[in-house]
Amino acid sequence: RDNAVMMLIKLLAELEVAEIRIAGLDGYSYNAYLNYAVKDMALANKNDIIDAINAGMMEVLKEFSSFVKISFITKKKYLDFDVIG
């Protein structure tokens, strides 16, 4: 599935905004039911899949951070935001 936040970051980078400030993007938990308000929306329940999704989001964030300043308002849980410039 597509990630709406990643698509929005891509759009904002293409629009050449000066900075993107993000709240609530902290990755996915191994407990799939903690990731969504509606349990039926859980898209993965295996740890290796969750790790792959989180790693993919980090790669996208790293890529776009080379075009636009990305900062985070909320604390991280499952992603390592420190590696993003």
Protein backbone atom coordinates (compact mmCIF):
# COMPACT_ATOMS: atom_id res chain seq x y z
CA ARG A 1 0.00 0.00 0.00
CA ASP A 2 1.04 3.57 -0.52
CA ASN A 3 1.93 5.70 2.46
CA ALA A 4 0.05 9.01 2.32
CA VAL A 5 2.66 10.85 4.38
CA MET A 6 5.48 9.75 2.09
CA MET A 7 3.46 10.89 -0.94
CA LEU A 8 2.82 14.27 0.72
CA ILE A 9 6.53 14.71 1.52
CA LYS A 10 7.36 13.92 -2.11
CA LEU A 11 4.84 16.50 -3.32
CA LEU A 12 6.13 19.17 -0.94
CA ALA A 13 9.73 18.47 -1.99
CA GLU A 14 8.73 18.80 -5.65
CA LEU A 15 7.03 22.10 -4.83
CA GLU A 16 10.36 23.20 -3.33
CA VAL A 17 9.03 24.16 0.10
CA ALA A 18 11.70 25.42 2.48
CA GLU A 19 10.95 23.06 5.36
CA ILE A 20 8.64 20.20 6.29
CA ARG A 21 7.69 19.74 9.96
CA ILE A 22 6.13 16.40 10.79
CA ALA A 23 4.11 15.19 13.79
CA GLY A 24 3.01 11.64 14.46
CA LEU A 25 5.23 9.84 11.95
CA ASP A 26 7.01 7.45 14.26
CA GLY A 27 6.98 4.22 12.27
CA TYR A 28 5.16 0.96 12.83
CA SER A 29 5.07 -1.14 16.00
CA TYR A 30 5.48 -4.92 16.04
CA ASN A 31 2.03 -4.93 17.64
CA ALA A 32 0.01 -4.29 14.48
CA TYR A 33 -3.05 -3.22 16.45
CA LEU A 34 -1.16 -0.24 17.94
CA ASN A 35 -0.58 1.20 14.47
CA TYR A 36 -4.17 2.09 13.60
CA ALA A 37 -7.31 3.33 15.32
CA VAL A 38 -9.32 0.74 13.38
CA LYS A 39 -7.90 -2.77 13.82
CA ASP A 40 -9.09 -3.87 10.36
CA MET A 41 -6.58 -1.45 8.79
CA ALA A 42 -3.54 -3.38 10.07
CA LEU A 43 -1.47 -4.14 6.97
CA ALA A 44 1.28 -6.30 8.46
CA ASN A 45 1.68 -8.48 11.51
CA LYS A 46 5.12 -10.07 11.02
CA ASN A 47 8.18 -8.42 12.50
CA ASP A 48 10.29 -8.75 9.35
CA ILE A 49 7.58 -7.00 7.32
CA ILE A 50 7.31 -4.22 9.93
CA ASP A 51 11.12 -3.82 9.87
CA ALA A 52 11.06 -3.60 6.06
CA ILE A 53 8.30 -0.97 6.09
CA ASN A 54 10.15 1.12 8.71
CA ALA A 55 13.43 0.80 6.79
CA GLY A 56 11.70 1.82 3.57
CA MET A 57 10.23 4.92 5.21
CA MET A 58 13.67 5.86 6.55
CA GLU A 59 15.19 5.54 3.07
CA VAL A 60 12.49 7.78 1.59
CA LEU A 61 12.92 10.34 4.38
CA LYS A 62 16.71 10.33 3.91
CA GLU A 63 16.32 10.81 0.17
CA PHE A 64 13.92 13.75 0.48
CA SER A 65 15.93 15.35 3.29
CA SER A 66 18.62 16.04 0.69
CA PHE A 67 16.12 18.31 -1.13
CA VAL A 68 14.20 19.88 1.74
CA LYS A 69 14.78 20.35 5.47
CA ILE A 70 12.70 17.80 7.37
CA SER A 71 12.16 18.13 11.11
CA PHE A 72 9.98 16.26 13.56
CA ILE A 73 7.71 17.78 16.18
CA THR A 74 6.88 14.57 18.05
CA LYS A 75 9.18 12.00 19.66
CA LYS A 76 10.22 8.93 17.71
CA LYS A 77 9.19 5.41 18.64
CA TYR A 78 10.22 3.04 15.87
CA LEU A 79 12.21 5.13 13.36
CA ASP A 80 15.71 6.55 13.81
CA PHE A 81 15.16 10.20 12.92
CA ASP A 82 18.68 11.10 14.02
CA VAL A 83 20.06 9.82 10.72
CA ILE A 84 18.00 12.30 8.71
CA GLY A 85 19.77 15.56 7.82
